[in-house]
Amino acid sequence: GDYIEDKDLAKFDVLDELLAEAGDQKVLLWDH
């Protein structure tokens, strides 16, 4: 329940990079 800005979530930066590498592939993002 804690609001964190995107700039404070390092996983988002890495996720951006991985998605850029995915190219035209379809992606499943898993979380619980």
All heavy atoms as atom14 arrays in JSON, in Angstrom:
{
  "sequence": "GDYIEDKDLAKFDVLDELLAEAGDQKVLLWDH",
  "atom14_mask": [
    [1, 1, 1, 1, 0, 0, 0, 0, 0, 0, 0, 0, 0, 0],
    [1, 1, 1, 1, 1, 1, 1, 1, 0, 0, 0, 0, 0, 0],
    [1, 1, 1, 1, 1, 1, 1, 1, 1, 1, 1, 1, 0, 0],
    [1, 1, 1, 1, 1, 1, 1, 1, 0, 0, 0, 0, 0, 0],
    [1, 1, 1, 1, 1, 1, 1, 1, 1, 0, 0, 0, 0, 0],
    [1, 1, 1, 1, 1, 1, 1, 1, 0, 0, 0, 0, 0, 0],
    [1, 1, 1, 1, 1, 1, 1, 1, 1, 0, 0, 0, 0, 0],
    [1, 1, 1, 1, 1, 1, 1, 1, 0, 0, 0, 0, 0, 0],
    [1, 1, 1, 1, 1, 1, 1, 1, 0, 0, 0, 0, 0, 0],
    [1, 1, 1, 1, 1, 0, 0, 0, 0, 0, 0, 0, 0, 0],
    [1, 1, 1, 1, 1, 1, 1, 1, 1, 0, 0, 0, 0, 0],
    [1, 1, 1, 1, 1, 1, 1, 1, 1, 1, 1, 0, 0, 0],
    [1, 1, 1, 1, 1, 1, 1, 1, 0, 0, 0, 0, 0, 0],
    [1, 1, 1, 1, 1, 1, 1, 0, 0, 0, 0, 0, 0, 0],
    [1, 1, 1, 1, 1, 1, 1, 1, 0, 0, 0, 0, 0, 0],
    [1, 1, 1, 1, 1, 1, 1, 1, 0, 0, 0, 0, 0, 0],
    [1, 1, 1, 1, 1, 1, 1, 1, 1, 0, 0, 0, 0, 0],
    [1, 1, 1, 1, 1, 1, 1, 1, 0, 0, 0, 0, 0, 0],
    [1, 1, 1, 1, 1, 1, 1, 1, 0, 0, 0, 0, 0, 0],
    [1, 1, 1, 1, 1, 0, 0, 0, 0, 0, 0, 0, 0, 0],
    [1, 1, 1, 1, 1, 1, 1, 1, 1, 0, 0, 0, 0, 0],
    [1, 1, 1, 1, 1, 0, 0, 0, 0, 0, 0, 0, 0, 0],
    [1, 1, 1, 1, 0, 0, 0, 0, 0, 0, 0, 0, 0, 0],
    [1, 1, 1, 1, 1, 1, 1, 1, 0, 0, 0, 0, 0, 0],
    [1, 1, 1, 1, 1, 1, 1, 1, 1, 0, 0, 0, 0, 0],
    [1, 1, 1, 1, 1, 1, 1, 1, 1, 0, 0, 0, 0, 0],
    [1, 1, 1, 1, 1, 1, 1, 0, 0, 0, 0, 0, 0, 0],
    [1, 1, 1, 1, 1, 1, 1, 1, 0, 0, 0, 0, 0, 0],
    [1, 1, 1, 1, 1, 1, 1, 1, 0, 0, 0, 0, 0, 0],
    [1, 1, 1, 1, 1, 1, 1, 1, 1, 1, 1, 1, 1, 1],
    [1, 1, 1, 1, 1, 1, 1, 1, 0, 0, 0, 0, 0, 0],
    [1, 1, 1, 1, 1, 1, 1, 1, 1, 1, 0, 0, 0, 0]
  ],
  "atom14_positions": [
    [[0.79, -1.22, 0.0], [0.0, 0.0, 0.0], [0.82, 1.27, 0.0], [0.28, 2.36, 0.09], [0.0, 0.0, 0.0], [0.0, 0.0, 0.0], [0.0, 0.0, 0.0], [0.0, 0.0, 0.0], [0.0, 0.0, 0.0], [0.0, 0.0, 0.0], [0.0, 0.0, 0.0], [0.0, 0.0, 0.0], [0.0, 0.0, 0.0], [0.0, 0.0, 0.0]],
    [[2.13, 1.16, -0.11], [2.98, 2.34, -0.11], [3.16, 2.82, -1.55], [3.53, 2.05, -2.41], [4.35, 2.02, 0.51], [5.1, 3.27, 0.92], [5.34, 4.11, 0.04], [5.45, 3.39, 2.1], [0.0, 0.0, 0.0], [0.0, 0.0, 0.0], [0.0, 0.0, 0.0], [0.0, 0.0, 0.0], [0.0, 0.0, 0.0], [0.0, 0.0, 0.0]],
    [[2.9, 4.1, -1.81], [3.08, 4.61, -3.16], [4.55, 4.96, -3.36], [5.14, 5.69, -2.58], [2.23, 5.85, -3.44], [2.44, 6.31, -4.86], [1.84, 5.63, -5.92], [3.32, 7.34, -5.14], [2.08, 6.0, -7.23], [3.56, 7.72, -6.45], [2.94, 7.05, -7.48], [3.19, 7.4, -8.77], [0.0, 0.0, 0.0], [0.0, 0.0, 0.0]],
    [[5.12, 4.4, -4.4], [6.5, 4.67, -4.75], [6.51, 5.2, -6.18], [5.88, 4.63, -7.07], [7.35, 3.37, -4.7], [7.32, 2.75, -3.3], [8.78, 3.63, -5.15], [8.1, 3.5, -2.27], [0.0, 0.0, 0.0], [0.0, 0.0, 0.0], [0.0, 0.0, 0.0], [0.0, 0.0, 0.0], [0.0, 0.0, 0.0], [0.0, 0.0, 0.0]],
    [[7.23, 6.28, -6.41], [7.34, 6.81, -7.77], [8.17, 5.85, -8.62], [9.06, 5.16, -8.11], [7.98, 8.19, -7.73], [7.12, 9.24, -7.06], [7.74, 10.62, -7.13], [8.49, 10.89, -8.09], [7.48, 11.4, -6.2], [0.0, 0.0, 0.0], [0.0, 0.0, 0.0], [0.0, 0.0, 0.0], [0.0, 0.0, 0.0], [0.0, 0.0, 0.0]],
    [[7.9, 5.86, -9.91], [8.61, 4.97, -10.83], [10.13, 5.14, -10.75], [10.87, 4.18, -10.89], [8.14, 5.19, -12.27], [6.75, 4.64, -12.51], [6.15, 4.06, -11.57], [6.25, 4.77, -13.64], [0.0, 0.0, 0.0], [0.0, 0.0, 0.0], [0.0, 0.0, 0.0], [0.0, 0.0, 0.0], [0.0, 0.0, 0.0], [0.0, 0.0, 0.0]],
    [[10.59, 6.37, -10.51], [12.04, 6.62, -10.46], [12.7, 5.87, -9.29], [13.91, 5.67, -9.29], [12.33, 8.12, -10.36], [11.91, 8.75, -9.04], [12.25, 10.23, -9.01], [11.78, 10.9, -7.74], [12.33, 10.36, -6.53], [0.0, 0.0, 0.0], [0.0, 0.0, 0.0], [0.0, 0.0, 0.0], [0.0, 0.0, 0.0], [0.0, 0.0, 0.0]],
    [[11.92, 5.48, -8.29], [12.46, 4.76, -7.14], [12.28, 3.24, -7.26], [12.45, 2.51, -6.28], [11.8, 5.24, -5.84], [12.37, 6.58, -5.38], [13.52, 6.89, -5.74], [11.67, 7.29, -4.65], [0.0, 0.0, 0.0], [0.0, 0.0, 0.0], [0.0, 0.0, 0.0], [0.0, 0.0, 0.0], [0.0, 0.0, 0.0], [0.0, 0.0, 0.0]],
    [[11.92, 2.79, -8.44], [11.75, 1.35, -8.66], [12.75, 0.9, -9.72], [12.5, 1.0, -10.92], [10.31, 1.04, -9.1], [9.26, 1.28, -8.02], [7.87, 1.29, -8.6], [9.38, 0.24, -6.92], [0.0, 0.0, 0.0], [0.0, 0.0, 0.0], [0.0, 0.0, 0.0], [0.0, 0.0, 0.0], [0.0, 0.0, 0.0], [0.0, 0.0, 0.0]],
    [[13.89, 0.42, -9.27], [14.97, 0.03, -10.19], [14.54, -1.11, -11.12], [15.02, -1.19, -12.25], [16.21, -0.37, -9.39], [0.0, 0.0, 0.0], [0.0, 0.0, 0.0], [0.0, 0.0, 0.0], [0.0, 0.0, 0.0], [0.0, 0.0, 0.0], [0.0, 0.0, 0.0], [0.0, 0.0, 0.0], [0.0, 0.0, 0.0], [0.0, 0.0, 0.0]],
    [[13.64, -1.94, -10.66], [13.18, -3.03, -11.52], [12.5, -2.49, -12.78], [12.55, -3.12, -13.83], [12.22, -3.96, -10.77], [12.91, -4.9, -9.81], [11.95, -5.92, -9.26], [12.65, -6.89, -8.33], [11.74, -7.93, -7.85], [0.0, 0.0, 0.0], [0.0, 0.0, 0.0], [0.0, 0.0, 0.0], [0.0, 0.0, 0.0], [0.0, 0.0, 0.0]],
    [[11.87, -1.33, -12.68], [11.21, -0.76, -13.86], [12.23, -0.4, -14.93], [11.98, -0.58, -16.12], [10.38, 0.46, -13.46], [9.01, 0.13, -12.92], [8.64, -1.17, -12.64], [8.09, 1.12, -12.71], [7.37, -1.48, -12.15], [6.81, 0.84, -12.23], [6.46, -0.47, -11.95], [0.0, 0.0, 0.0], [0.0, 0.0, 0.0], [0.0, 0.0, 0.0]],
    [[13.39, 0.13, -14.52], [14.44, 0.47, -15.5], [14.92, -0.79, -16.23], [15.08, -0.79, -17.44], [15.63, 1.15, -14.81], [15.28, 2.52, -14.25], [14.33, 3.15, -14.78], [15.94, 2.96, -13.3], [0.0, 0.0, 0.0], [0.0, 0.0, 0.0], [0.0, 0.0, 0.0], [0.0, 0.0, 0.0], [0.0, 0.0, 0.0], [0.0, 0.0, 0.0]],
    [[15.14, -1.84, -15.47], [15.6, -3.11, -16.06], [14.51, -3.68, -16.96], [14.79, -4.18, -18.06], [16.0, -4.11, -14.96], [16.34, -5.47, -15.54], [17.18, -3.57, -14.16], [0.0, 0.0, 0.0], [0.0, 0.0, 0.0], [0.0, 0.0, 0.0], [0.0, 0.0, 0.0], [0.0, 0.0, 0.0], [0.0, 0.0, 0.0], [0.0, 0.0, 0.0]],
    [[13.29, -3.6, -16.51], [12.16, -4.09, -17.31], [12.07, -3.34, -18.64], [11.86, -3.96, -19.69], [10.88, -3.91, -16.51], [9.61, -4.59, -16.99], [9.83, -6.06, -17.28], [8.51, -4.42, -15.96], [0.0, 0.0, 0.0], [0.0, 0.0, 0.0], [0.0, 0.0, 0.0], [0.0, 0.0, 0.0], [0.0, 0.0, 0.0], [0.0, 0.0, 0.0]],
    [[12.27, -2.03, -18.61], [12.27, -1.25, -19.85], [13.32, -1.79, -20.82], [13.05, -1.93, -22.03], [12.57, 0.23, -19.55], [11.45, 0.94, -18.8], [10.34, 0.39, -18.72], [11.72, 2.04, -18.27], [0.0, 0.0, 0.0], [0.0, 0.0, 0.0], [0.0, 0.0, 0.0], [0.0, 0.0, 0.0], [0.0, 0.0, 0.0], [0.0, 0.0, 0.0]],
    [[14.5, -2.1, -20.32], [15.58, -2.62, -21.17], [15.23, -3.98, -21.75], [15.45, -4.24, -22.94], [16.88, -2.71, -20.37], [17.46, -1.37, -19.96], [18.61, -1.51, -18.98], [19.16, -2.63, -18.84], [18.98, -0.49, -18.35], [0.0, 0.0, 0.0], [0.0, 0.0, 0.0], [0.0, 0.0, 0.0], [0.0, 0.0, 0.0], [0.0, 0.0, 0.0]],
    [[14.7, -4.87, -20.92], [14.35, -6.21, -21.4], [13.25, -6.15, -22.45], [13.28, -6.9, -23.44], [13.92, -7.1, -20.22], [15.0, -7.45, -19.22], [14.41, -8.25, -18.06], [16.12, -8.25, -19.88], [0.0, 0.0, 0.0], [0.0, 0.0, 0.0], [0.0, 0.0, 0.0], [0.0, 0.0, 0.0], [0.0, 0.0, 0.0], [0.0, 0.0, 0.0]],
    [[12.29, -5.26, -22.27], [11.22, -5.12, -23.25], [11.75, -4.57, -24.56], [11.31, -4.98, -25.64], [10.09, -4.26, -22.69], [9.28, -4.9, -21.56], [8.31, -3.89, -20.96], [8.54, -6.13, -22.06], [0.0, 0.0, 0.0], [0.0, 0.0, 0.0], [0.0, 0.0, 0.0], [0.0, 0.0, 0.0], [0.0, 0.0, 0.0], [0.0, 0.0, 0.0]],
    [[12.71, -3.66, -24.49], [13.31, -3.13, -25.72], [14.02, -4.24, -26.48], [13.97, -4.3, -27.71], [14.28, -2.0, -25.37], [0.0, 0.0, 0.0], [0.0, 0.0, 0.0], [0.0, 0.0, 0.0], [0.0, 0.0, 0.0], [0.0, 0.0, 0.0], [0.0, 0.0, 0.0], [0.0, 0.0, 0.0], [0.0, 0.0, 0.0], [0.0, 0.0, 0.0]],
    [[14.66, -5.16, -25.74], [15.36, -6.29, -26.37], [14.39, -7.32, -26.96], [14.74, -8.06, -27.87], [16.26, -6.99, -25.35], [17.46, -6.2, -24.92], [18.22, -6.88, -23.79], [17.98, -8.08, -23.53], [19.06, -6.21, -23.17], [0.0, 0.0, 0.0], [0.0, 0.0, 0.0], [0.0, 0.0, 0.0], [0.0, 0.0, 0.0], [0.0, 0.0, 0.0]],
    [[13.17, -7.36, -26.46], [12.2, -8.37, -26.9], [11.78, -8.19, -28.35], [11.31, -9.13, -29.0], [10.97, -8.36, -25.99], [0.0, 0.0, 0.0], [0.0, 0.0, 0.0], [0.0, 0.0, 0.0], [0.0, 0.0, 0.0], [0.0, 0.0, 0.0], [0.0, 0.0, 0.0], [0.0, 0.0, 0.0], [0.0, 0.0, 0.0], [0.0, 0.0, 0.0]],
    [[11.94, -6.97, -28.85], [11.6, -6.73, -30.25], [10.13, -6.99, -30.52], [9.25, -6.46, -29.86], [0.0, 0.0, 0.0], [0.0, 0.0, 0.0], [0.0, 0.0, 0.0], [0.0, 0.0, 0.0], [0.0, 0.0, 0.0], [0.0, 0.0, 0.0], [0.0, 0.0, 0.0], [0.0, 0.0, 0.0], [0.0, 0.0, 0.0], [0.0, 0.0, 0.0]],
    [[9.85, -7.87, -31.51], [8.47, -8.13, -31.91], [7.85, -9.32, -31.17], [6.74, -9.72, -31.47], [8.38, -8.37, -33.42], [9.12, -9.64, -33.85], [9.95, -10.15, -33.06], [8.88, -10.11, -34.97], [0.0, 0.0, 0.0], [0.0, 0.0, 0.0], [0.0, 0.0, 0.0], [0.0, 0.0, 0.0], [0.0, 0.0, 0.0], [0.0, 0.0, 0.0]],
    [[8.57, -9.87, -30.2], [8.04, -11.01, -29.46], [6.95, -10.58, -28.49], [6.95, -9.46, -27.99], [9.17, -11.7, -28.67], [10.26, -12.27, -29.57], [11.33, -12.92, -28.74], [11.18, -14.06, -28.29], [12.42, -12.2, -28.51], [0.0, 0.0, 0.0], [0.0, 0.0, 0.0], [0.0, 0.0, 0.0], [0.0, 0.0, 0.0], [0.0, 0.0, 0.0]],
    [[6.05, -11.51, -28.22], [5.03, -11.26, -27.19], [5.63, -11.64, -25.83], [6.38, -12.61, -25.72], [3.77, -12.07, -27.46], [2.99, -11.55, -28.66], [1.61, -12.17, -28.71], [0.8, -11.54, -29.84], [-0.64, -11.7, -29.64], [0.0, 0.0, 0.0], [0.0, 0.0, 0.0], [0.0, 0.0, 0.0], [0.0, 0.0, 0.0], [0.0, 0.0, 0.0]],
    [[5.24, -10.87, -24.81], [5.86, -10.99, -23.49], [4.8, -11.29, -22.43], [3.73, -10.7, -22.42], [6.6, -9.68, -23.13], [7.15, -9.73, -21.71], [7.71, -9.4, -24.13], [0.0, 0.0, 0.0], [0.0, 0.0, 0.0], [0.0, 0.0, 0.0], [0.0, 0.0, 0.0], [0.0, 0.0, 0.0], [0.0, 0.0, 0.0], [0.0, 0.0, 0.0]],
    [[5.16, -12.19, -21.52], [4.37, -12.44, -20.32], [5.09, -11.78, -19.15], [6.26, -12.07, -18.9], [4.24, -13.93, -20.04], [3.45, -14.75, -21.06], [3.71, -16.23, -20.87], [1.98, -14.45, -20.92], [0.0, 0.0, 0.0], [0.0, 0.0, 0.0], [0.0, 0.0, 0.0], [0.0, 0.0, 0.0], [0.0, 0.0, 0.0], [0.0, 0.0, 0.0]],
    [[4.4, -10.87, -18.46], [4.94, -10.28, -17.23], [4.24, -10.95, -16.06], [3.02, -10.83, -15.91], [4.67, -8.78, -17.18], [5.56, -7.87, -17.99], [5.19, -6.41, -17.74], [7.01, -8.08, -17.67], [0.0, 0.0, 0.0], [0.0, 0.0, 0.0], [0.0, 0.0, 0.0], [0.0, 0.0, 0.0], [0.0, 0.0, 0.0], [0.0, 0.0, 0.0]],
    [[5.01, -11.67, -15.25], [4.46, -12.41, -14.12], [4.67, -11.65, -12.81], [5.75, -11.11, -12.57], [5.13, -13.77, -14.0], [4.82, -14.74, -15.09], [5.56, -14.98, -16.22], [3.7, -15.63, -15.16], [4.95, -15.96, -16.97], [3.81, -16.37, -16.35], [2.6, -15.86, -14.32], [2.89, -17.33, -16.73], [1.68, -16.81, -14.7], [1.82, -17.54, -15.88]],
    [[3.67, -11.65, -11.99], [3.76, -11.16, -10.62], [2.63, -11.84, -9.86], [1.77, -12.47, -10.48], [3.63, -9.63, -10.54], [4.25, -9.06, -9.27], [3.68, -9.29, -8.18], [5.3, -8.41, -9.35], [0.0, 0.0, 0.0], [0.0, 0.0, 0.0], [0.0, 0.0, 0.0], [0.0, 0.0, 0.0], [0.0, 0.0, 0.0], [0.0, 0.0, 0.0]],
    [[2.63, -11.75, -8.55], [1.58, -12.42, -7.79], [0.62, -11.44, -7.13], [-0.29, -11.84, -6.42], [2.17, -13.4, -6.77], [3.16, -12.78, -5.84], [4.46, -12.51, -6.22], [3.05, -12.35, -4.57], [5.11, -11.96, -5.22], [4.28, -11.85, -4.21], [0.0, 0.0, 0.0], [0.0, 0.0, 0.0], [0.0, 0.0, 0.0], [0.0, 0.0, 0.0]]
  ]
}
